[in-house]
Amino acid sequence: MSEQSPPVGRLRWRCRRGTTELDRMLGGYLEQDYAQASSALQLAFSDLLEQQDPDIFDWLMGAQAADAAFVDIISYLRKKYQLDC
């Protein structure tokens, strides 16, 4: 993991993904929750944005178990967007 999260502007750019679903989920988290998140969750989110879109999508949809480094942020996003059904 990185030691420090990049500036929010850079994160906003990195939230722009290949699908509308990921754009909205990741961008929504950044705009609504990121500032209040713990530093550990912020770092996990920043590192998550370095992963490939298909992996992120599968983790969020529950098609694959998330890598250990991303379990907390993926769990948070799944709850936020009610994907735990």
C-alpha atoms as a PDB file:
ATOM      1  CA  MET A   1       0.000   0.000   0.000  1.00  0.00           C
ATOM      2  CA  SER A   2       1.000   3.609  -0.466  1.00  0.00           C
ATOM      3  CA  GLU A   3       2.059   5.566   2.589  1.00  0.00           C
ATOM      4  CA  GLN A   4      -0.009   8.639   1.752  1.00  0.00           C
ATOM      5  CA  SER A   5      -3.125   9.153  -0.344  1.00  0.00           C
ATOM      6  CA  PRO A   6      -2.802  11.341  -3.434  1.00  0.00           C
ATOM      7  CA  PRO A   7      -4.705  14.645  -3.660  1.00  0.00           C
ATOM      8  CA  VAL A   8      -8.472  14.397  -4.140  1.00  0.00           C
ATOM      9  CA  GLY A   9      -8.224  15.862  -7.655  1.00  0.00           C
ATOM     10  CA  ARG A  10      -5.974  13.014  -8.736  1.00  0.00           C
ATOM     11  CA  LEU A  11      -8.310  10.480  -7.082  1.00  0.00           C
ATOM     12  CA  ARG A  12     -11.282  12.042  -8.876  1.00  0.00           C
ATOM     13  CA  TRP A  13      -9.506  11.504 -12.190  1.00  0.00           C
ATOM     14  CA  ARG A  14      -8.642   7.898 -11.255  1.00  0.00           C
ATOM     15  CA  CYS A  15     -12.308   7.227 -10.382  1.00  0.00           C
ATOM     16  CA  ARG A  16     -13.137   7.628 -14.074  1.00  0.00           C
ATOM     17  CA  ARG A  17     -13.282   4.013 -15.182  1.00  0.00           C
ATOM     18  CA  GLY A  18     -14.420   2.009 -18.171  1.00  0.00           C
ATOM     19  CA  THR A  19     -17.989   1.518 -16.994  1.00  0.00           C
ATOM     20  CA  THR A  20     -20.714   3.836 -15.767  1.00  0.00           C
ATOM     21  CA  GLU A  21     -21.336   1.565 -12.775  1.00  0.00           C
ATOM     22  CA  LEU A  22     -17.771   1.834 -11.506  1.00  0.00           C
ATOM     23  CA  ASP A  23     -17.634   5.567 -12.293  1.00  0.00           C
ATOM     24  CA  ARG A  24     -20.712   6.174 -10.157  1.00  0.00           C
ATOM     25  CA  MET A  25     -19.789   3.896  -7.270  1.00  0.00           C
ATOM     26  CA  LEU A  26     -16.174   4.982  -6.958  1.00  0.00           C
ATOM     27  CA  GLY A  27     -16.873   8.632  -7.711  1.00  0.00           C
ATOM     28  CA  GLY A  28     -19.821   8.635  -5.326  1.00  0.00           C
ATOM     29  CA  TYR A  29     -17.681   7.266  -2.523  1.00  0.00           C
ATOM     30  CA  LEU A  30     -15.000   9.868  -3.204  1.00  0.00           C
ATOM     31  CA  GLU A  31     -17.469  12.760  -3.162  1.00  0.00           C
ATOM     32  CA  GLN A  32     -19.666  11.592  -0.277  1.00  0.00           C
ATOM     33  CA  ASP A  33     -17.533   9.500   2.080  1.00  0.00           C
ATOM     34  CA  TYR A  34     -13.817   9.790   1.410  1.00  0.00           C
ATOM     35  CA  ALA A  35     -13.130  12.933   3.453  1.00  0.00           C
ATOM     36  CA  GLN A  36     -14.661  11.406   6.606  1.00  0.00           C
ATOM     37  CA  ALA A  37     -13.070   7.975   6.157  1.00  0.00           C
ATOM     38  CA  SER A  38     -10.204   6.753   8.307  1.00  0.00           C
ATOM     39  CA  SER A  39      -6.722   7.142   6.876  1.00  0.00           C
ATOM     40  CA  ALA A  40      -6.518   3.347   6.474  1.00  0.00           C
ATOM     41  CA  LEU A  41      -9.725   3.305   4.411  1.00  0.00           C
ATOM     42  CA  GLN A  42      -8.517   6.282   2.363  1.00  0.00           C
ATOM     43  CA  LEU A  43      -5.276   4.473   1.567  1.00  0.00           C
ATOM     44  CA  ALA A  44      -7.137   1.277   0.689  1.00  0.00           C
ATOM     45  CA  PHE A  45      -9.412   3.270  -1.654  1.00  0.00           C
ATOM     46  CA  SER A  46      -6.427   4.919  -3.330  1.00  0.00           C
ATOM     47  CA  ASP A  47      -4.758   1.543  -3.804  1.00  0.00           C
ATOM     48  CA  LEU A  48      -8.026   0.024  -5.043  1.00  0.00           C
ATOM     49  CA  LEU A  49      -8.044   2.561  -7.870  1.00  0.00           C
ATOM     50  CA  GLU A  50      -4.780   1.023  -9.110  1.00  0.00           C
ATOM     51  CA  GLN A  51      -6.510  -2.321  -9.755  1.00  0.00           C
ATOM     52  CA  GLN A  52      -8.039  -3.482 -13.021  1.00  0.00           C
ATOM     53  CA  ASP A  53     -11.705  -2.674 -13.683  1.00  0.00           C
ATOM     54  CA  PRO A  54     -12.819  -6.314 -14.081  1.00  0.00           C
ATOM     55  CA  ASP A  55     -11.304  -7.198 -10.699  1.00  0.00           C
ATOM     56  CA  ILE A  56     -12.922  -4.245  -8.927  1.00  0.00           C
ATOM     57  CA  PHE A  57     -16.270  -5.014 -10.536  1.00  0.00           C
ATOM     58  CA  ASP A  58     -16.111  -8.698  -9.581  1.00  0.00           C
ATOM     59  CA  TRP A  59     -15.183  -7.837  -5.990  1.00  0.00           C
ATOM     60  CA  LEU A  60     -18.040  -5.342  -5.707  1.00  0.00           C
ATOM     61  CA  MET A  61     -20.558  -7.732  -7.231  1.00  0.00           C
ATOM     62  CA  GLY A  62     -19.365 -10.606  -5.043  1.00  0.00           C
ATOM     63  CA  ALA A  63     -18.284 -12.738  -7.995  1.00  0.00           C
ATOM     64  CA  GLN A  64     -14.806 -13.077  -6.448  1.00  0.00           C
ATOM     65  CA  ALA A  65     -13.468 -12.621  -2.942  1.00  0.00           C
ATOM     66  CA  ALA A  66     -11.548  -9.366  -2.673  1.00  0.00           C
ATOM     67  CA  ASP A  67      -7.812  -9.425  -2.088  1.00  0.00           C
ATOM     68  CA  ALA A  68      -7.007  -9.078   1.603  1.00  0.00           C
ATOM     69  CA  ALA A  69      -5.762  -5.494   1.151  1.00  0.00           C
ATOM     70  CA  PHE A  70      -9.172  -4.418  -0.158  1.00  0.00           C
ATOM     71  CA  VAL A  71     -11.618  -6.330   2.047  1.00  0.00           C
ATOM     72  CA  ASP A  72     -12.535  -3.319   4.206  1.00  0.00           C
ATOM     73  CA  ILE A  73     -13.070  -0.846   1.366  1.00  0.00           C
ATOM     74  CA  ILE A  74     -14.951  -3.380  -0.752  1.00  0.00           C
ATOM     75  CA  SER A  75     -17.173  -4.249   2.220  1.00  0.00           C
ATOM     76  CA  TYR A  76     -17.858  -0.567   2.796  1.00  0.00           C
ATOM     77  CA  LEU A  77     -18.757   0.016  -0.848  1.00  0.00           C
ATOM     78  CA  ARG A  78     -20.957  -3.107  -0.987  1.00  0.00           C
ATOM     79  CA  LYS A  79     -22.912  -1.852   2.049  1.00  0.00           C
ATOM     80  CA  LYS A  80     -23.099   1.712   0.754  1.00  0.00           C
ATOM     81  CA  TYR A  81     -24.558   0.580  -2.565  1.00  0.00           C
ATOM     82  CA  GLN A  82     -26.631  -2.240  -1.035  1.00  0.00           C
ATOM     83  CA  LEU A  83     -24.808  -4.979  -2.920  1.00  0.00           C
ATOM     84  CA  ASP A  84     -24.857  -7.367   0.057  1.00  0.00           C
ATOM     85  CA  CYS A  85     -28.214  -8.863  -0.909  1.00  0.00           C
END
